[in-house]
């Protein structure tokens, strides 16, 4: 069976709109926690060359990296996404970053190319996340940062706010429901875990090639 990324009529790729543009103060507080933790992990690495897989419209990169670093060539960033529509949005929103359409299952980059690979809110959308983790391990020369929704807390919070009740709180497009122990097991197939952060309602990891 061909590897796929789930997309349906209710699915917003990567849930970017909900996370980055919600006017809800609770959502905003949760996103501040997410971004603060992601930024702290990036600062632990201080990469020169970054790949983001599943970048959507580029909002995470705009919160983690400075345009001045790109323009001064102290940082190189490439964002990839399987959706051509999301890549077009990213190019329009953030023309100083580089974006290209690509599948996480077959990344068009040489082995050991990047200092850091970001995969935030990606693995839960994949039919075979094991292949994606192997591709991330192939193209990084050392580090990756991975985040996924913390299950079953994510679904419980959805149900508390009356969302996706017929799906038992499962967000449209989520094919995987990772508990913290499950995502650790998956990452440890190719990486060792350096740091773990728990910004509610996510699990976030800085990992290094094993």
Protein backbone atom coordinates (compact mmCIF):
# COMPACT_ATOMS: atom_id res chain seq x y z
CA UNK A 1 0.00 0.00 0.00
CA UNK A 2 1.25 3.46 -0.87
CA UNK A 3 2.21 5.60 2.11
CA UNK A 4 -0.15 8.51 2.58
CA UNK A 5 -0.74 11.59 4.67
CA UNK A 6 -4.35 11.92 5.80
CA UNK A 7 -6.36 14.77 4.36
CA UNK A 8 -10.14 15.04 4.52
CA UNK A 9 -12.71 17.78 3.98
CA UNK A 10 -12.53 18.93 7.62
CA UNK A 11 -8.76 18.77 7.89
CA UNK A 12 -6.62 21.87 8.24
CA UNK A 13 -3.07 20.80 7.41
CA UNK A 14 -1.12 20.61 10.64
CA UNK A 15 -3.96 22.43 12.46
CA UNK A 16 -2.04 25.64 11.79
CA UNK A 17 -5.03 27.95 11.72
CA UNK A 18 -6.28 26.80 15.11
CA UNK A 19 -2.85 27.07 16.69
CA UNK A 20 -1.43 30.27 15.29
CA UNK A 21 -4.42 32.47 14.47
CA UNK A 22 -7.02 31.70 17.10
CA UNK A 23 -8.30 34.69 19.05
CA UNK A 24 -9.24 32.43 21.95
CA UNK A 25 -7.11 33.44 24.99
CA UNK A 26 -6.80 29.82 26.15
CA UNK A 27 -5.53 28.75 22.73
CA UNK A 28 -3.12 31.67 22.74
CA UNK A 29 -1.75 30.66 26.15
CA UNK A 30 -1.27 27.07 25.02
CA UNK A 31 0.54 28.22 21.89
CA UNK A 32 2.86 30.47 23.90
CA UNK A 33 3.84 27.41 25.91
CA UNK A 34 4.40 25.39 22.74
CA UNK A 35 6.51 28.08 21.05
CA UNK A 36 8.53 28.89 24.16
CA UNK A 37 9.47 25.24 24.57
CA UNK A 38 10.28 24.77 20.89
CA UNK A 39 12.42 27.91 20.88
CA UNK A 40 14.31 26.73 23.98
CA UNK A 41 15.14 23.41 22.29
CA UNK A 42 16.30 25.17 19.11
CA UNK A 43 18.58 27.35 21.22
CA UNK A 44 20.14 24.23 22.75
CA UNK A 45 21.26 23.23 19.26
CA UNK A 46 21.97 26.62 17.61
CA UNK A 47 21.84 25.12 14.10
CA UNK A 48 23.29 26.59 10.93
CA UNK A 49 21.13 24.59 8.52
CA UNK A 50 17.54 23.60 9.31
CA UNK A 51 14.96 21.46 7.55
CA UNK A 52 11.32 21.58 8.62
CA UNK A 53 9.11 18.75 7.40
CA UNK A 54 5.37 19.32 7.29
CA UNK A 55 5.92 23.08 7.45
CA UNK A 56 2.41 24.04 6.34
CA UNK A 57 2.19 27.79 5.62
CA UNK A 58 5.48 28.49 7.42
CA UNK A 59 4.17 29.90 10.68
CA UNK A 60 6.38 27.85 13.00
CA UNK A 61 9.54 28.95 11.22
CA UNK A 62 8.47 32.58 11.44
CA UNK A 63 8.17 32.22 15.21
CA UNK A 64 11.46 30.38 15.73
CA UNK A 65 13.87 32.00 13.27
CA UNK A 66 14.71 35.59 12.37
CA UNK A 67 14.56 37.03 8.88
CA UNK A 68 17.83 38.83 9.59
CA UNK A 69 19.62 35.51 10.17
CA UNK A 70 18.44 34.24 6.80
CA UNK A 71 19.43 37.43 5.00
CA UNK A 72 22.86 37.51 6.66
CA UNK A 73 23.32 33.82 5.76
CA UNK A 74 24.04 32.85 9.36
CA UNK A 75 21.10 30.44 9.07
CA UNK A 76 19.80 28.37 6.15
CA UNK A 77 16.22 27.10 6.37
CA UNK A 78 14.18 24.88 4.05
CA UNK A 79 10.55 24.03 4.74
CA UNK A 80 8.82 21.12 3.02
CA UNK A 81 5.21 20.02 2.87
CA UNK A 82 3.28 17.46 0.84
CA UNK A 83 0.57 20.02 0.05
CA UNK A 84 1.28 22.35 -2.88
CA UNK A 85 -1.36 24.74 -1.56
CA UNK A 86 0.40 25.05 1.79
CA UNK A 87 3.75 25.61 0.08
CA UNK A 88 2.27 28.41 -2.01
CA UNK A 89 0.90 30.05 1.13
CA UNK A 90 4.28 29.72 2.83
CA UNK A 91 6.12 31.31 -0.09
CA UNK A 92 3.65 34.19 -0.12
CA UNK A 93 3.69 34.71 3.65
CA UNK A 94 7.44 34.37 4.21
CA UNK A 95 9.39 34.99 0.98
CA UNK A 96 12.71 35.15 2.81
CA UNK A 97 12.47 31.43 3.70
CA UNK A 98 12.92 28.61 1.18
CA UNK A 99 10.01 26.22 0.71
CA UNK A 100 9.43 23.24 -1.55
CA UNK A 101 6.88 20.51 -2.03
CA UNK A 102 8.13 17.12 -0.83
CA UNK A 103 6.92 13.97 0.89
CA UNK A 104 8.35 13.18 4.29
CA UNK A 105 8.59 9.57 3.08
CA UNK A 106 11.06 10.52 0.32
CA UNK A 107 12.92 13.69 1.21
CA UNK A 108 14.93 15.03 -1.76
CA UNK A 109 18.08 15.73 0.22
CA UNK A 110 21.46 14.09 0.72
CA UNK A 111 22.27 12.06 3.80
CA UNK A 112 23.47 14.04 6.83
CA UNK A 113 22.57 17.36 5.18
CA UNK A 114 21.01 19.30 8.08
CA UNK A 115 22.11 20.23 11.60
CA UNK A 116 18.49 20.12 12.76
CA UNK A 117 15.26 18.66 11.40
CA UNK A 118 11.94 19.92 12.77
CA UNK A 119 8.89 17.66 12.66
CA UNK A 120 6.22 19.39 14.72
CA UNK A 121 2.64 18.15 14.51
CA UNK A 122 3.46 15.82 11.64
CA UNK A 123 3.82 12.19 12.71
CA UNK A 124 0.22 11.88 13.91
CA UNK A 125 -0.99 12.50 10.35
CA UNK A 126 1.02 9.65 8.83
CA UNK A 127 -0.01 6.14 7.93
CA UNK A 128 3.54 4.83 8.51
CA UNK A 129 5.41 7.20 10.85
CA UNK A 130 8.26 4.70 11.17
CA UNK A 131 9.35 5.48 7.60
CA UNK A 132 9.20 9.19 8.31
CA UNK A 133 11.39 8.82 11.40
CA UNK A 134 13.93 6.91 9.32
CA UNK A 135 13.96 9.68 6.69
CA UNK A 136 14.44 12.32 9.38
CA UNK A 137 17.35 10.30 10.76
CA UNK A 138 18.84 9.99 7.29
CA UNK A 139 18.91 13.70 6.44
CA UNK A 140 19.99 15.07 9.82
CA UNK A 141 23.63 14.98 10.77
CA UNK A 142 22.79 15.11 14.46
CA UNK A 143 19.58 16.58 15.88
CA UNK A 144 15.82 16.61 15.41
CA UNK A 145 12.95 18.21 17.30
CA UNK A 146 9.70 16.27 17.21
CA UNK A 147 6.33 17.15 18.71
CA UNK A 148 3.02 15.30 18.67
CA UNK A 149 -0.31 15.74 20.47
CA UNK A 150 -0.24 14.12 23.91
CA UNK A 151 -2.83 11.37 23.87
CA UNK A 152 -5.31 10.63 25.30
CA UNK A 153 -5.24 14.14 26.82
CA UNK A 154 -5.60 15.78 23.39
CA UNK A 155 -8.81 13.89 22.61
CA UNK A 156 -10.19 14.48 26.11
CA UNK A 157 -9.67 18.23 25.77
CA UNK A 158 -11.38 18.19 22.37
CA UNK A 159 -14.39 16.45 23.87
CA UNK A 160 -14.52 18.86 26.81
CA UNK A 161 -14.91 21.71 24.34
CA UNK A 162 -17.52 19.80 22.36
CA UNK A 163 -15.33 19.08 19.33
CA UNK A 164 -15.25 15.91 17.20
CA UNK A 165 -17.61 14.05 19.52
CA UNK A 166 -18.50 11.44 16.88
CA UNK A 167 -14.76 10.75 16.55
CA UNK A 168 -14.35 10.47 20.35
CA UNK A 169 -12.32 13.68 20.28
CA UNK A 170 -9.92 12.57 17.57
CA UNK A 171 -8.94 15.54 15.40
CA UNK A 172 -9.73 15.02 11.69
CA UNK A 173 -6.61 13.84 9.91
CA UNK A 174 -5.00 12.23 12.94
CA UNK A 175 -4.13 8.64 12.04
CA UNK A 176 -1.90 8.05 15.07
CA UNK A 177 -2.68 8.71 18.73
CA UNK A 178 0.66 8.76 20.53
CA UNK A 179 0.90 8.35 24.26
CA UNK A 180 4.20 9.61 25.63
CA UNK A 181 5.51 6.07 26.00
CA UNK A 182 4.52 5.24 22.41
CA UNK A 183 6.26 8.24 20.85
CA UNK A 184 9.37 7.57 22.94
CA UNK A 185 9.49 4.00 21.64
CA UNK A 186 9.16 5.19 18.06
CA UNK A 187 11.87 7.84 18.35
CA UNK A 188 14.26 5.45 20.08
CA UNK A 189 14.27 3.19 17.03
CA UNK A 190 16.64 5.73 15.41
CA UNK A 191 17.50 8.34 18.03
CA UNK A 192 18.42 8.87 21.63
CA UNK A 193 16.29 11.35 23.54
CA UNK A 194 18.25 14.36 24.81
CA UNK A 195 15.42 16.44 26.26
CA UNK A 196 11.68 16.07 26.72
CA UNK A 197 9.25 18.97 27.13
CA UNK A 198 5.57 18.79 28.01
CA UNK A 199 3.77 21.95 26.93
CA UNK A 200 0.10 21.06 27.41
CA UNK A 201 -1.32 19.34 25.37
CA UNK A 202 1.79 18.22 23.45
CA UNK A 203 4.80 15.97 23.85
CA UNK A 204 8.00 17.54 22.51
CA UNK A 205 11.46 15.98 22.18
CA UNK A 206 14.98 16.99 21.25
CA UNK A 207 16.64 13.86 19.89
CA UNK A 208 20.09 12.98 18.60
CA UNK A 209 21.18 10.29 16.15
CA UNK A 210 21.84 7.10 18.10
